[in-house]
Amino acid sequence: LSYSSEGSLIASGGADCTVRLWNAASSPTERTEGGDLAAVVESFSGSGVRVQKPLRTFGTKQTPVQMTQFTRKNLLIAGGAYMQGDDNRRP
């Protein structure tokens, strides 16, 4: 995980060959009362825990993403080890 320099975005990488950008600036109240209702989903069978969907998801061809880092100029760098073969492709 890494935060953008102004703290409004979080970037995450995954073994599913994706980089996801998340909105770190808004509160759950802002997202549900006047924000984008589609950006928030109810999870854990009505336990009251709210989970935000990512703003954007970027896929790689066959590379699980092991690290993400924002530069000082707010460019996002993501890296991982290339996995050769059809077994590691995204769904």
C-alpha atoms as a PDB file:
ATOM      1  CA  LEU A   1       0.000   0.000   0.000  1.00  0.00           C
ATOM      2  CA  SER A   2       1.073   3.547  -0.604  1.00  0.00           C
ATOM      3  CA  TYR A   3      -0.502   6.967  -0.119  1.00  0.00           C
ATOM      4  CA  SER A   4      -0.328   9.787  -2.658  1.00  0.00           C
ATOM      5  CA  SER A   5       1.646  12.858  -1.578  1.00  0.00           C
ATOM      6  CA  GLU A   6      -1.494  14.871  -0.727  1.00  0.00           C
ATOM      7  CA  GLY A   7      -3.089  11.865   0.967  1.00  0.00           C
ATOM      8  CA  SER A   8      -6.220  11.656  -1.191  1.00  0.00           C
ATOM      9  CA  LEU A   9      -5.434   8.309  -2.883  1.00  0.00           C
ATOM     10  CA  ILE A  10      -4.267   4.908  -1.746  1.00  0.00           C
ATOM     11  CA  ALA A  11      -2.729   2.472  -4.224  1.00  0.00           C
ATOM     12  CA  SER A  12      -2.689  -1.262  -3.652  1.00  0.00           C
ATOM     13  CA  GLY A  13      -1.334  -4.168  -5.647  1.00  0.00           C
ATOM     14  CA  GLY A  14      -2.480  -7.744  -5.635  1.00  0.00           C
ATOM     15  CA  ALA A  15      -1.679 -11.326  -6.522  1.00  0.00           C
ATOM     16  CA  ASP A  16      -4.652 -11.142  -8.929  1.00  0.00           C
ATOM     17  CA  CYS A  17      -2.470  -9.041 -11.308  1.00  0.00           C
ATOM     18  CA  THR A  18      -4.170  -5.720 -10.540  1.00  0.00           C
ATOM     19  CA  VAL A  19      -3.336  -2.261  -9.202  1.00  0.00           C
ATOM     20  CA  ARG A  20      -6.245  -0.542  -7.470  1.00  0.00           C
ATOM     21  CA  LEU A  21      -6.709   3.122  -6.596  1.00  0.00           C
ATOM     22  CA  TRP A  22      -8.831   3.963  -3.568  1.00  0.00           C
ATOM     23  CA  ASN A  23     -10.286   7.274  -2.353  1.00  0.00           C
ATOM     24  CA  ALA A  24      -8.679   8.012   1.015  1.00  0.00           C
ATOM     25  CA  ALA A  25      -9.970  11.578   1.357  1.00  0.00           C
ATOM     26  CA  SER A  26     -13.701  11.053   1.817  1.00  0.00           C
ATOM     27  CA  SER A  27     -15.386   9.769   4.936  1.00  0.00           C
ATOM     28  CA  PRO A  28     -18.114   7.088   4.911  1.00  0.00           C
ATOM     29  CA  THR A  29     -20.667   9.859   5.613  1.00  0.00           C
ATOM     30  CA  GLU A  30     -19.562  11.831   2.539  1.00  0.00           C
ATOM     31  CA  ARG A  31     -19.709   8.724   0.385  1.00  0.00           C
ATOM     32  CA  THR A  32     -23.218   7.765   1.483  1.00  0.00           C
ATOM     33  CA  GLU A  33     -24.899  11.174   1.879  1.00  0.00           C
ATOM     34  CA  GLY A  34     -24.217  13.186  -1.254  1.00  0.00           C
ATOM     35  CA  GLY A  35     -21.332  11.231  -2.659  1.00  0.00           C
ATOM     36  CA  ASP A  36     -21.390   8.380  -5.127  1.00  0.00           C
ATOM     37  CA  LEU A  37     -23.675   5.720  -3.636  1.00  0.00           C
ATOM     38  CA  ALA A  38     -22.288   3.116  -6.017  1.00  0.00           C
ATOM     39  CA  ALA A  39     -18.842   3.583  -4.450  1.00  0.00           C
ATOM     40  CA  VAL A  40     -19.969   2.069  -1.156  1.00  0.00           C
ATOM     41  CA  VAL A  41     -21.193  -1.462  -0.605  1.00  0.00           C
ATOM     42  CA  GLU A  42     -22.590  -3.185   2.466  1.00  0.00           C
ATOM     43  CA  SER A  43     -20.568  -6.233   3.441  1.00  0.00           C
ATOM     44  CA  PHE A  44     -20.382  -8.971   6.063  1.00  0.00           C
ATOM     45  CA  SER A  45     -24.116  -9.768   5.888  1.00  0.00           C
ATOM     46  CA  GLY A  46     -25.440  -6.521   7.339  1.00  0.00           C
ATOM     47  CA  SER A  47     -22.923  -6.213  10.167  1.00  0.00           C
ATOM     48  CA  GLY A  48     -22.774  -2.459   9.574  1.00  0.00           C
ATOM     49  CA  VAL A  49     -19.235  -2.548   8.164  1.00  0.00           C
ATOM     50  CA  ARG A  50     -18.967  -0.465   5.008  1.00  0.00           C
ATOM     51  CA  VAL A  51     -16.323  -1.217   2.397  1.00  0.00           C
ATOM     52  CA  GLN A  52     -15.480   1.218  -0.369  1.00  0.00           C
ATOM     53  CA  LYS A  53     -15.056  -0.027  -3.939  1.00  0.00           C
ATOM     54  CA  PRO A  54     -11.885   1.091  -5.725  1.00  0.00           C
ATOM     55  CA  LEU A  55     -12.003   4.231  -7.873  1.00  0.00           C
ATOM     56  CA  ARG A  56     -10.133   2.453 -10.644  1.00  0.00           C
ATOM     57  CA  THR A  57      -8.597  -0.969 -11.274  1.00  0.00           C
ATOM     58  CA  PHE A  58      -5.699  -1.488 -13.673  1.00  0.00           C
ATOM     59  CA  GLY A  59      -4.799  -4.979 -14.810  1.00  0.00           C
ATOM     60  CA  THR A  60      -1.450  -6.371 -15.849  1.00  0.00           C
ATOM     61  CA  LYS A  61      -1.090  -9.177 -18.358  1.00  0.00           C
ATOM     62  CA  GLN A  62       0.602 -11.788 -16.165  1.00  0.00           C
ATOM     63  CA  THR A  63       2.341  -9.951 -13.330  1.00  0.00           C
ATOM     64  CA  PRO A  64       1.190 -10.150  -9.705  1.00  0.00           C
ATOM     65  CA  VAL A  65       1.780  -6.694  -8.200  1.00  0.00           C
ATOM     66  CA  GLN A  66       4.017  -6.858  -5.137  1.00  0.00           C
ATOM     67  CA  MET A  67       4.664  -3.172  -4.464  1.00  0.00           C
ATOM     68  CA  THR A  68       3.235   0.250  -5.200  1.00  0.00           C
ATOM     69  CA  GLN A  69       4.895   3.611  -4.596  1.00  0.00           C
ATOM     70  CA  PHE A  70       3.943   7.200  -5.367  1.00  0.00           C
ATOM     71  CA  THR A  71       6.840   9.458  -6.391  1.00  0.00           C
ATOM     72  CA  ARG A  72       7.319  13.005  -5.064  1.00  0.00           C
ATOM     73  CA  LYS A  73       5.559  14.252  -8.201  1.00  0.00           C
ATOM     74  CA  ASN A  74       2.641  11.885  -7.511  1.00  0.00           C
ATOM     75  CA  LEU A  75       3.351   9.382 -10.283  1.00  0.00           C
ATOM     76  CA  LEU A  76       2.440   5.822  -9.333  1.00  0.00           C
ATOM     77  CA  ILE A  77       5.002   3.053  -9.785  1.00  0.00           C
ATOM     78  CA  ALA A  78       3.952  -0.566  -9.387  1.00  0.00           C
ATOM     79  CA  GLY A  79       6.170  -3.608  -9.632  1.00  0.00           C
ATOM     80  CA  GLY A  80       6.163  -7.355  -9.439  1.00  0.00           C
ATOM     81  CA  ALA A  81       7.808 -10.479 -10.792  1.00  0.00           C
ATOM     82  CA  TYR A  82       6.730 -11.565 -14.270  1.00  0.00           C
ATOM     83  CA  MET A  83       5.027 -14.956 -14.179  1.00  0.00           C
ATOM     84  CA  GLN A  84       5.310 -16.914 -17.427  1.00  0.00           C
ATOM     85  CA  GLY A  85       2.495 -19.294 -18.366  1.00  0.00           C
ATOM     86  CA  ASP A  86      -1.276 -19.378 -18.682  1.00  0.00           C
ATOM     87  CA  ASP A  87      -1.906 -20.355 -15.051  1.00  0.00           C
ATOM     88  CA  ASN A  88      -1.290 -16.828 -13.728  1.00  0.00           C
ATOM     89  CA  ARG A  89      -3.448 -14.805 -16.097  1.00  0.00           C
ATOM     90  CA  ARG A  90      -6.207 -12.585 -14.801  1.00  0.00           C
ATOM     91  CA  PRO A  91      -9.731 -13.958 -14.950  1.00  0.00           C
END
